[in-house]
N, C-alpha and C. Protein backbone atom coordinates (compact mmCIF):
# COMPACT_ATOMS: atom_id res chain seq x y z
N MET A 1 0.83 -1.19 0.00
CA MET A 1 0.00 0.00 0.00
C MET A 1 0.87 1.26 0.00
N THR A 2 0.24 2.37 -0.13
CA THR A 2 0.95 3.64 -0.16
C THR A 2 1.36 4.04 1.25
N ARG A 3 2.62 4.42 1.43
CA ARG A 3 3.09 4.90 2.72
C ARG A 3 3.78 6.23 2.52
N ARG A 4 3.43 7.19 3.34
CA ARG A 4 4.02 8.51 3.21
C ARG A 4 4.60 8.90 4.56
N ASN A 5 5.89 9.08 4.64
CA ASN A 5 6.52 9.42 5.90
C ASN A 5 7.63 10.42 5.64
N VAL A 6 7.28 11.68 5.57
CA VAL A 6 8.24 12.72 5.25
C VAL A 6 9.18 12.97 6.41
N ALA A 7 8.70 12.79 7.65
CA ALA A 7 9.51 13.08 8.82
C ALA A 7 10.78 12.21 8.85
N GLN A 8 10.68 10.96 8.42
CA GLN A 8 11.85 10.08 8.42
C GLN A 8 12.62 10.15 7.11
N GLY A 9 12.14 10.92 6.16
CA GLY A 9 12.88 11.15 4.93
C GLY A 9 12.62 10.13 3.84
N SER A 10 11.63 9.25 3.99
CA SER A 10 11.37 8.28 2.92
C SER A 10 9.90 8.32 2.53
N ILE A 11 9.63 8.21 1.25
CA ILE A 11 8.27 8.16 0.74
C ILE A 11 8.20 6.99 -0.23
N ASP A 12 7.31 6.03 0.04
CA ASP A 12 7.10 4.89 -0.85
C ASP A 12 5.76 5.07 -1.54
N LEU A 13 5.78 5.08 -2.85
CA LEU A 13 4.56 5.21 -3.63
C LEU A 13 4.24 3.86 -4.25
N LYS A 14 3.08 3.76 -4.88
CA LYS A 14 2.70 2.50 -5.50
C LYS A 14 3.68 2.10 -6.61
N TYR A 15 4.18 3.09 -7.35
CA TYR A 15 5.00 2.79 -8.50
C TYR A 15 6.47 3.16 -8.33
N LYS A 16 6.76 4.11 -7.48
CA LYS A 16 8.13 4.59 -7.32
C LYS A 16 8.49 4.61 -5.85
N SER A 17 9.76 4.52 -5.53
CA SER A 17 10.23 4.63 -4.16
C SER A 17 11.35 5.65 -4.14
N TYR A 18 11.28 6.62 -3.22
CA TYR A 18 12.26 7.68 -3.14
C TYR A 18 12.83 7.75 -1.74
N SER A 19 14.10 8.09 -1.63
CA SER A 19 14.70 8.22 -0.31
C SER A 19 14.43 9.60 0.28
N LYS A 20 14.29 10.62 -0.55
CA LYS A 20 14.01 11.98 -0.09
C LYS A 20 13.05 12.66 -1.04
N VAL A 21 12.33 13.60 -0.51
CA VAL A 21 11.38 14.35 -1.33
C VAL A 21 12.11 15.09 -2.43
N ALA A 22 13.30 15.58 -2.16
CA ALA A 22 14.07 16.35 -3.15
C ALA A 22 14.44 15.51 -4.36
N ASP A 23 14.53 14.20 -4.21
CA ASP A 23 14.89 13.32 -5.33
C ASP A 23 13.72 13.00 -6.25
N MET A 24 12.52 13.42 -5.91
CA MET A 24 11.35 13.08 -6.70
C MET A 24 11.37 13.81 -8.03
N GLU A 25 10.87 13.14 -9.05
CA GLU A 25 10.83 13.73 -10.40
C GLU A 25 9.79 14.84 -10.46
N THR A 26 10.15 15.92 -11.12
CA THR A 26 9.20 16.99 -11.36
C THR A 26 9.04 17.17 -12.86
N ILE A 27 7.86 17.61 -13.25
CA ILE A 27 7.58 17.86 -14.66
C ILE A 27 6.90 19.22 -14.77
N GLU A 28 6.83 19.74 -15.98
CA GLU A 28 6.15 21.00 -16.23
C GLU A 28 4.70 20.70 -16.56
N CYS A 29 3.80 21.56 -16.07
CA CYS A 29 2.37 21.39 -16.31
C CYS A 29 2.10 21.42 -17.83
N LYS A 30 1.27 20.48 -18.31
CA LYS A 30 0.99 20.37 -19.74
C LYS A 30 0.13 21.49 -20.30
N CYS A 31 -0.48 22.31 -19.43
CA CYS A 31 -1.33 23.39 -19.93
C CYS A 31 -0.49 24.53 -20.50
N GLY A 32 0.82 24.54 -20.18
CA GLY A 32 1.69 25.57 -20.70
C GLY A 32 1.86 26.76 -19.78
N CYS A 33 1.45 26.64 -18.52
CA CYS A 33 1.56 27.76 -17.59
C CYS A 33 2.99 27.96 -17.08
N GLY A 34 3.84 26.94 -17.25
CA GLY A 34 5.24 27.05 -16.84
C GLY A 34 5.49 26.60 -15.41
N GLN A 35 4.46 26.22 -14.65
CA GLN A 35 4.63 25.76 -13.28
C GLN A 35 5.06 24.30 -13.27
N THR A 36 5.81 23.92 -12.23
CA THR A 36 6.26 22.54 -12.13
C THR A 36 5.45 21.81 -11.07
N LEU A 37 5.36 20.50 -11.20
CA LEU A 37 4.64 19.67 -10.26
C LEU A 37 5.34 18.33 -10.13
N LEU A 38 5.07 17.60 -9.05
CA LEU A 38 5.63 16.27 -8.89
C LEU A 38 5.00 15.34 -9.91
N LYS A 39 5.82 14.48 -10.53
CA LYS A 39 5.32 13.61 -11.58
C LYS A 39 4.31 12.61 -11.05
N TYR A 40 4.52 12.13 -9.82
CA TYR A 40 3.62 11.14 -9.23
C TYR A 40 2.92 11.74 -8.01
N HIS A 41 1.64 11.47 -7.87
CA HIS A 41 0.85 11.95 -6.74
C HIS A 41 1.40 11.34 -5.46
N LEU A 42 1.65 12.17 -4.43
CA LEU A 42 2.25 11.69 -3.19
C LEU A 42 1.40 10.65 -2.48
N LYS A 43 0.10 10.87 -2.41
CA LYS A 43 -0.75 9.98 -1.64
C LYS A 43 -1.18 8.75 -2.43
N TRP A 44 -1.58 8.94 -3.68
CA TRP A 44 -2.16 7.84 -4.45
C TRP A 44 -1.18 7.20 -5.42
N GLY A 45 -0.12 7.87 -5.77
CA GLY A 45 0.93 7.27 -6.59
C GLY A 45 0.70 7.28 -8.09
N TYR A 46 -0.39 7.83 -8.59
CA TYR A 46 -0.61 7.82 -10.03
C TYR A 46 0.19 8.94 -10.70
N GLU A 47 0.45 8.77 -12.00
CA GLU A 47 1.22 9.76 -12.75
C GLU A 47 0.35 10.98 -13.04
N ARG A 48 0.92 12.17 -12.83
CA ARG A 48 0.19 13.42 -13.04
C ARG A 48 0.71 14.13 -14.29
N LYS A 49 -0.17 14.92 -14.92
CA LYS A 49 0.23 15.71 -16.08
C LYS A 49 -0.07 17.19 -15.87
N TYR A 50 -1.10 17.50 -15.06
CA TYR A 50 -1.53 18.87 -14.86
C TYR A 50 -1.54 19.21 -13.37
N ILE A 51 -1.40 20.50 -13.09
CA ILE A 51 -1.68 20.99 -11.75
C ILE A 51 -3.20 20.95 -11.62
N CYS A 52 -3.69 20.68 -10.41
CA CYS A 52 -5.13 20.55 -10.19
C CYS A 52 -5.87 21.79 -10.72
N GLY A 53 -6.85 21.58 -11.58
CA GLY A 53 -7.65 22.68 -12.13
C GLY A 53 -7.15 23.19 -13.47
N HIS A 54 -6.03 22.69 -13.97
CA HIS A 54 -5.46 23.19 -15.23
C HIS A 54 -5.84 22.33 -16.45
N GLN A 55 -6.62 21.26 -16.26
CA GLN A 55 -6.92 20.36 -17.37
C GLN A 55 -7.62 21.04 -18.53
N ARG A 56 -8.55 21.96 -18.26
CA ARG A 56 -9.31 22.60 -19.35
C ARG A 56 -8.82 23.99 -19.66
N ARG A 57 -7.70 24.38 -19.14
CA ARG A 57 -7.18 25.73 -19.36
C ARG A 57 -6.91 25.98 -20.84
N GLY A 58 -7.45 27.06 -21.36
CA GLY A 58 -7.21 27.41 -22.76
C GLY A 58 -8.12 26.71 -23.73
N LYS A 59 -8.92 25.77 -23.27
CA LYS A 59 -9.82 25.04 -24.15
C LYS A 59 -11.19 25.71 -24.13
N LYS A 60 -11.87 25.68 -25.27
CA LYS A 60 -13.19 26.28 -25.37
C LYS A 60 -14.19 25.22 -25.78
N HIS A 61 -15.45 25.44 -25.38
CA HIS A 61 -16.50 24.52 -25.78
C HIS A 61 -16.76 24.67 -27.28
N SER A 62 -17.18 23.58 -27.90
CA SER A 62 -17.53 23.63 -29.32
C SER A 62 -18.83 24.42 -29.48
N LYS A 63 -19.14 24.82 -30.73
CA LYS A 63 -20.36 25.57 -30.99
C LYS A 63 -21.59 24.77 -30.59
N GLU A 64 -21.56 23.48 -30.84
CA GLU A 64 -22.68 22.61 -30.51
C GLU A 64 -22.90 22.58 -28.99
N THR A 65 -21.82 22.45 -28.22
CA THR A 65 -21.91 22.41 -26.77
C THR A 65 -22.42 23.75 -26.23
N ARG A 66 -21.89 24.85 -26.77
CA ARG A 66 -22.35 26.18 -26.33
C ARG A 66 -23.84 26.35 -26.60
N LYS A 67 -24.34 25.84 -27.73
CA LYS A 67 -25.75 25.94 -28.08
C LYS A 67 -26.60 25.15 -27.08
N LYS A 68 -26.13 23.94 -26.70
CA LYS A 68 -26.85 23.11 -25.73
C LYS A 68 -26.92 23.80 -24.37
N ILE A 69 -25.81 24.41 -23.95
CA ILE A 69 -25.78 25.12 -22.67
C ILE A 69 -26.75 26.29 -22.71
N SER A 70 -26.76 27.02 -23.80
CA SER A 70 -27.65 28.18 -23.96
C SER A 70 -29.11 27.76 -23.90
N GLU A 71 -29.45 26.66 -24.57
CA GLU A 71 -30.83 26.17 -24.57
C GLU A 71 -31.25 25.72 -23.18
N ALA A 72 -30.32 25.11 -22.45
CA ALA A 72 -30.63 24.64 -21.10
C ALA A 72 -30.90 25.81 -20.16
N LYS A 73 -30.22 26.92 -20.38
CA LYS A 73 -30.36 28.07 -19.50
C LYS A 73 -31.49 29.01 -19.93
N SER A 74 -32.04 28.84 -21.12
CA SER A 74 -33.08 29.77 -21.59
C SER A 74 -34.34 29.58 -20.76
N GLY A 75 -34.99 30.70 -20.47
CA GLY A 75 -36.21 30.65 -19.66
C GLY A 75 -35.94 30.77 -18.17
N CYS A 76 -34.68 30.62 -17.75
CA CYS A 76 -34.33 30.76 -16.34
C CYS A 76 -34.15 32.23 -16.02
N VAL A 77 -34.80 32.67 -14.96
CA VAL A 77 -34.67 34.06 -14.54
C VAL A 77 -33.57 34.12 -13.50
N VAL A 78 -32.62 34.99 -13.71
CA VAL A 78 -31.53 35.15 -12.77
C VAL A 78 -32.07 35.82 -11.52
N TRP A 79 -31.69 35.32 -10.35
CA TRP A 79 -32.27 35.79 -9.08
C TRP A 79 -31.99 37.27 -8.81
N ASN A 80 -30.89 37.80 -9.33
CA ASN A 80 -30.55 39.20 -9.03
C ASN A 80 -30.70 40.12 -10.25
N LYS A 81 -31.53 39.74 -11.20
CA LYS A 81 -31.70 40.55 -12.41
C LYS A 81 -32.35 41.89 -12.06
N GLY A 82 -31.73 42.97 -12.50
CA GLY A 82 -32.25 44.31 -12.28
C GLY A 82 -31.91 44.89 -10.92
N LYS A 83 -31.17 44.16 -10.10
CA LYS A 83 -30.80 44.66 -8.77
C LYS A 83 -29.35 45.11 -8.79
N LYS A 84 -29.05 46.13 -8.03
CA LYS A 84 -27.69 46.65 -7.99
C LYS A 84 -27.13 46.50 -6.60
N GLY A 85 -25.83 46.34 -6.50
CA GLY A 85 -25.16 46.27 -5.21
C GLY A 85 -25.30 44.91 -4.54
N LEU A 86 -24.82 44.84 -3.33
CA LEU A 86 -24.84 43.61 -2.55
C LEU A 86 -26.25 43.30 -2.09
N GLN A 87 -26.70 42.08 -2.32
CA GLN A 87 -28.04 41.68 -1.92
C GLN A 87 -27.99 40.93 -0.59
N VAL A 88 -28.83 41.32 0.34
CA VAL A 88 -28.91 40.65 1.64
C VAL A 88 -30.35 40.25 1.91
N ALA A 89 -30.56 39.37 2.89
CA ALA A 89 -31.90 38.94 3.24
C ALA A 89 -32.75 40.13 3.67
N TRP A 90 -34.04 40.07 3.40
CA TRP A 90 -34.92 41.20 3.68
C TRP A 90 -34.98 41.54 5.16
N ASN A 91 -34.80 40.53 6.03
CA ASN A 91 -34.93 40.80 7.46
C ASN A 91 -33.58 40.81 8.17
N LYS A 92 -32.52 40.97 7.45
CA LYS A 92 -31.18 40.98 8.04
C LYS A 92 -31.04 42.14 9.00
N GLY A 93 -30.73 41.85 10.25
CA GLY A 93 -30.51 42.88 11.24
C GLY A 93 -31.77 43.39 11.92
N ILE A 94 -32.94 42.92 11.49
CA ILE A 94 -34.19 43.35 12.11
C ILE A 94 -34.55 42.32 13.17
N PRO A 95 -34.55 42.69 14.45
CA PRO A 95 -34.86 41.71 15.49
C PRO A 95 -36.35 41.34 15.50
N CYS A 96 -36.64 40.09 15.84
CA CYS A 96 -38.02 39.64 15.94
C CYS A 96 -38.60 40.08 17.28
N SER A 97 -39.89 40.32 17.29
CA SER A 97 -40.55 40.66 18.55
C SER A 97 -40.68 39.38 19.38
N GLU A 98 -40.94 39.53 20.67
CA GLU A 98 -41.10 38.38 21.56
C GLU A 98 -42.29 37.53 21.12
N GLU A 99 -43.35 38.17 20.65
CA GLU A 99 -44.53 37.43 20.18
C GLU A 99 -44.19 36.58 18.95
N THR A 100 -43.42 37.15 18.03
CA THR A 100 -43.00 36.42 16.83
C THR A 100 -42.13 35.23 17.21
N LYS A 101 -41.18 35.45 18.14
CA LYS A 101 -40.32 34.35 18.61
C LYS A 101 -41.16 33.23 19.22
N ARG A 102 -42.18 33.61 20.02
CA ARG A 102 -43.05 32.62 20.66
C ARG A 102 -43.83 31.84 19.61
N LYS A 103 -44.34 32.53 18.57
CA LYS A 103 -45.09 31.86 17.51
C LYS A 103 -44.21 30.87 16.75
N ILE A 104 -42.99 31.28 16.45
CA ILE A 104 -42.05 30.39 15.74
C ILE A 104 -41.76 29.16 16.60
N SER A 105 -41.54 29.39 17.88
CA SER A 105 -41.25 28.29 18.80
C SER A 105 -42.42 27.30 18.87
N GLU A 106 -43.63 27.83 18.99
CA GLU A 106 -44.83 26.97 19.07
C GLU A 106 -45.03 26.20 17.76
N ALA A 107 -44.70 26.83 16.64
CA ALA A 107 -44.90 26.20 15.34
C ALA A 107 -43.92 25.06 15.10
N GLN A 108 -42.84 24.98 15.90
CA GLN A 108 -41.82 23.96 15.68
C GLN A 108 -41.71 22.96 16.82
N LYS A 109 -42.69 22.94 17.71
CA LYS A 109 -42.64 22.04 18.86
C LYS A 109 -43.28 20.70 18.54
N GLY A 110 -42.76 19.67 19.17
CA GLY A 110 -43.37 18.33 19.10
C GLY A 110 -43.44 17.76 17.71
N GLU A 111 -44.63 17.26 17.37
CA GLU A 111 -44.82 16.59 16.09
C GLU A 111 -44.62 17.50 14.89
N LYS A 112 -44.72 18.81 15.09
CA LYS A 112 -44.55 19.77 13.99
C LYS A 112 -43.08 19.97 13.62
N ASN A 113 -42.17 19.55 14.49
CA ASN A 113 -40.75 19.73 14.24
C ASN A 113 -40.26 18.74 13.19
N HIS A 114 -39.37 19.19 12.31
CA HIS A 114 -38.87 18.32 11.24
C HIS A 114 -37.99 17.19 11.78
N ASN A 115 -37.50 17.28 13.02
CA ASN A 115 -36.69 16.21 13.61
C ASN A 115 -37.50 15.28 14.50
N TRP A 116 -38.81 15.39 14.49
CA TRP A 116 -39.66 14.57 15.35
C TRP A 116 -39.51 13.10 14.99
N LYS A 117 -39.32 12.28 16.02
CA LYS A 117 -39.12 10.85 15.79
C LYS A 117 -40.13 10.03 16.59
N GLY A 118 -41.35 10.53 16.71
CA GLY A 118 -42.40 9.78 17.37
C GLY A 118 -42.41 9.90 18.88
N GLY A 119 -41.68 10.83 19.45
CA GLY A 119 -41.70 11.04 20.89
C GLY A 119 -40.85 10.07 21.68
N THR A 120 -39.97 9.34 21.02
CA THR A 120 -39.11 8.39 21.73
C THR A 120 -37.69 8.92 21.75
N ALA A 121 -36.98 8.62 22.84
CA ALA A 121 -35.59 9.02 22.95
C ALA A 121 -34.73 8.00 22.22
N ASN A 122 -33.64 8.47 21.59
CA ASN A 122 -32.79 7.59 20.80
C ASN A 122 -31.84 6.76 21.65
N ASN A 123 -31.37 7.29 22.76
CA ASN A 123 -30.39 6.56 23.55
C ASN A 123 -30.50 6.95 25.01
N SER A 124 -29.68 6.33 25.85
CA SER A 124 -29.76 6.56 27.29
C SER A 124 -29.42 8.01 27.65
N ARG A 125 -28.58 8.67 26.85
CA ARG A 125 -28.24 10.07 27.12
C ARG A 125 -29.48 10.95 26.99
N ASP A 126 -30.27 10.72 25.94
CA ASP A 126 -31.50 11.49 25.74
C ASP A 126 -32.49 11.23 26.86
N ILE A 127 -32.58 9.98 27.31
CA ILE A 127 -33.51 9.62 28.37
C ILE A 127 -33.09 10.31 29.67
N ALA A 128 -31.80 10.25 30.00
CA ALA A 128 -31.30 10.88 31.23
C ALA A 128 -31.53 12.38 31.19
N ARG A 129 -31.30 12.99 30.05
CA ARG A 129 -31.49 14.43 29.90
C ARG A 129 -32.96 14.80 30.12
N LYS A 130 -33.88 14.00 29.53
CA LYS A 130 -35.31 14.26 29.68
C LYS A 130 -35.74 14.09 31.13
N ILE A 131 -35.27 13.05 31.80
CA ILE A 131 -35.61 12.82 33.20
C ILE A 131 -35.14 13.99 34.05
N TYR A 132 -33.90 14.45 33.82
CA TYR A 132 -33.34 15.56 34.60
C TYR A 132 -34.16 16.84 34.37
N GLN A 133 -34.46 17.13 33.12
CA GLN A 133 -35.21 18.34 32.80
C GLN A 133 -36.63 18.30 33.37
N ASP A 134 -37.28 17.13 33.29
CA ASP A 134 -38.64 17.01 33.83
C ASP A 134 -38.66 17.16 35.34
N HIS A 135 -37.68 16.57 36.03
CA HIS A 135 -37.65 16.64 37.49
C HIS A 135 -37.39 18.07 37.97
N HIS A 136 -36.45 18.76 37.32
CA HIS A 136 -36.09 20.12 37.73
C HIS A 136 -36.94 21.20 37.06
N LYS A 137 -37.88 20.77 36.19
CA LYS A 137 -38.77 21.70 35.48
C LYS A 137 -37.99 22.82 34.80
N MET A 138 -37.02 22.42 33.99
CA MET A 138 -36.17 23.39 33.29
C MET A 138 -35.68 22.78 31.98
N THR A 139 -35.19 23.61 31.10
CA THR A 139 -34.60 23.16 29.84
C THR A 139 -33.11 23.49 29.89
N LEU A 140 -32.28 22.49 29.61
CA LEU A 140 -30.83 22.67 29.66
C LEU A 140 -30.31 23.25 28.35
N PHE A 141 -29.25 24.05 28.44
CA PHE A 141 -28.58 24.54 27.24
C PHE A 141 -28.00 23.34 26.47
N ARG A 142 -27.78 23.53 25.18
CA ARG A 142 -27.17 22.46 24.38
C ARG A 142 -25.77 22.10 24.86
N GLU A 143 -25.07 23.09 25.44
CA GLU A 143 -23.69 22.88 25.87
C GLU A 143 -23.60 22.15 27.21
N VAL A 144 -24.76 21.83 27.80
CA VAL A 144 -24.78 21.15 29.10
C VAL A 144 -25.10 19.67 28.90
N ASP A 145 -24.29 18.80 29.52
CA ASP A 145 -24.52 17.36 29.49
C ASP A 145 -25.11 16.93 30.82
N VAL A 146 -25.76 15.77 30.83
CA VAL A 146 -26.22 15.16 32.08
C VAL A 146 -25.27 14.01 32.37
N HIS A 147 -24.58 14.11 33.50
CA HIS A 147 -23.55 13.14 33.89
C HIS A 147 -24.15 12.11 34.85
N HIS A 148 -23.84 10.84 34.64
CA HIS A 148 -24.22 9.77 35.56
C HIS A 148 -23.11 9.66 36.60
N ILE A 149 -23.42 9.95 37.85
CA ILE A 149 -22.41 10.00 38.91
C ILE A 149 -21.73 8.65 39.09
N ASP A 150 -22.50 7.56 39.02
CA ASP A 150 -21.89 6.22 39.19
C ASP A 150 -21.38 5.62 37.88
N HIS A 151 -21.41 6.40 36.80
CA HIS A 151 -20.92 6.02 35.46
C HIS A 151 -21.70 4.86 34.84
N ASP A 152 -22.90 4.60 35.34
CA ASP A 152 -23.77 3.59 34.75
C ASP A 152 -24.83 4.31 33.92
N PRO A 153 -24.74 4.25 32.58
CA PRO A 153 -25.66 5.03 31.75
C PRO A 153 -27.12 4.59 31.84
N PHE A 154 -27.38 3.43 32.45
CA PHE A 154 -28.75 2.96 32.55
C PHE A 154 -29.36 3.23 33.92
N ASN A 155 -28.57 3.77 34.85
CA ASN A 155 -29.09 4.15 36.16
C ASN A 155 -29.53 5.60 36.09
N ASN A 156 -30.80 5.80 35.77
CA ASN A 156 -31.33 7.15 35.55
C ASN A 156 -32.11 7.68 36.74
N GLU A 157 -31.76 7.27 37.95
CA GLU A 157 -32.40 7.83 39.14
C GLU A 157 -31.92 9.27 39.28
N ILE A 158 -32.81 10.14 39.73
CA ILE A 158 -32.49 11.56 39.80
C ILE A 158 -31.31 11.84 40.71
N SER A 159 -31.11 11.01 41.74
CA SER A 159 -29.97 11.21 42.65
C SER A 159 -28.64 10.87 41.98
N ASN A 160 -28.70 10.16 40.84
CA ASN A 160 -27.48 9.77 40.12
C ASN A 160 -27.16 10.71 38.96
N LEU A 161 -28.03 11.68 38.69
CA LEU A 161 -27.84 12.57 37.54
C LEU A 161 -27.34 13.94 37.99
N GLN A 162 -26.42 14.50 37.20
CA GLN A 162 -25.85 15.80 37.52
C GLN A 162 -25.65 16.57 36.22
N ALA A 163 -26.08 17.83 36.18
CA ALA A 163 -25.87 18.69 35.00
C ALA A 163 -24.46 19.25 35.06
N ILE A 164 -23.75 19.16 33.93
CA ILE A 164 -22.35 19.61 33.89
C ILE A 164 -22.06 20.13 32.49
N TRP A 165 -21.26 21.20 32.39
CA TRP A 165 -20.89 21.75 31.09
C TRP A 165 -20.15 20.69 30.27
N HIS A 166 -20.37 20.70 28.96
CA HIS A 166 -19.80 19.67 28.09
C HIS A 166 -18.27 19.58 28.20
N GLY A 167 -17.58 20.72 28.20
CA GLY A 167 -16.11 20.71 28.30
C GLY A 167 -15.64 20.08 29.59
N ASP A 168 -16.29 20.41 30.71
CA ASP A 168 -15.93 19.82 32.00
C ASP A 168 -16.24 18.34 32.02
N HIS A 169 -17.35 17.95 31.38
CA HIS A 169 -17.73 16.54 31.31
C HIS A 169 -16.68 15.73 30.55
N THR A 170 -16.21 16.31 29.44
CA THR A 170 -15.17 15.64 28.65
C THR A 170 -13.89 15.48 29.47
N LYS A 171 -13.48 16.55 30.16
CA LYS A 171 -12.28 16.49 30.99
C LYS A 171 -12.42 15.44 32.09
N LEU A 172 -13.59 15.38 32.71
CA LEU A 172 -13.84 14.42 33.78
C LEU A 172 -13.65 12.99 33.28
N HIS A 173 -14.23 12.66 32.14
CA HIS A 173 -14.10 11.30 31.61
C HIS A 173 -12.70 11.03 31.10
N TYR A 174 -12.01 12.04 30.60
CA TYR A 174 -10.64 11.86 30.15
C TYR A 174 -9.73 11.54 31.32
N LYS A 175 -9.94 12.20 32.47
CA LYS A 175 -9.12 11.94 33.65
C LYS A 175 -9.35 10.52 34.15
N LEU A 176 -10.58 10.01 34.03
CA LEU A 176 -10.89 8.66 34.47
C LEU A 176 -10.24 7.61 33.57
N ASN A 177 -10.26 7.84 32.27
CA ASN A 177 -9.70 6.88 31.33
C ASN A 177 -9.12 7.65 30.14
N PRO A 178 -7.84 8.05 30.20
CA PRO A 178 -7.26 8.90 29.16
C PRO A 178 -7.08 8.21 27.81
N TRP A 179 -7.24 6.91 27.71
CA TRP A 179 -7.00 6.20 26.45
C TRP A 179 -8.28 5.92 25.69
N CYS A 180 -9.42 6.36 26.17
CA CYS A 180 -10.68 6.16 25.45
C CYS A 180 -11.02 7.37 24.65
């Protein structure tokens, strides 16, 4: 297989083997731009002829192809036709009223939400989070995790659950087992 190890000074490709990167063959790009490139791709080992993106440089579509492109685009209205300057969303920078925010929230709750999965939790983390939120009558921020004090993900008793910031939760588990 392909092995690339520049730190030790050797690169083995599928077709060629080099002791140093400096010994690798370089060629000039075939598009005529005058830039040089490595003859063989470092990662995949295939022979290269062009710098990435230079394959069609200087080439033009035939009249037949241009006609097909024109026909495909006919009838399409350009979204910014007749408009000048930078176009931004109509409500950019306009804050929503509290009533509007409440209406949007109500319109996306429960079964109306596009992520609704029938009212079931996907895993023990979701179940623990729901139990914690229901018991404390609050909604947790996304950045807050629910930690199982005894590290048993199926023990969802309220005395075993603790709300903790995600970063602190990660650090806590890393200290317990740094190789996981």
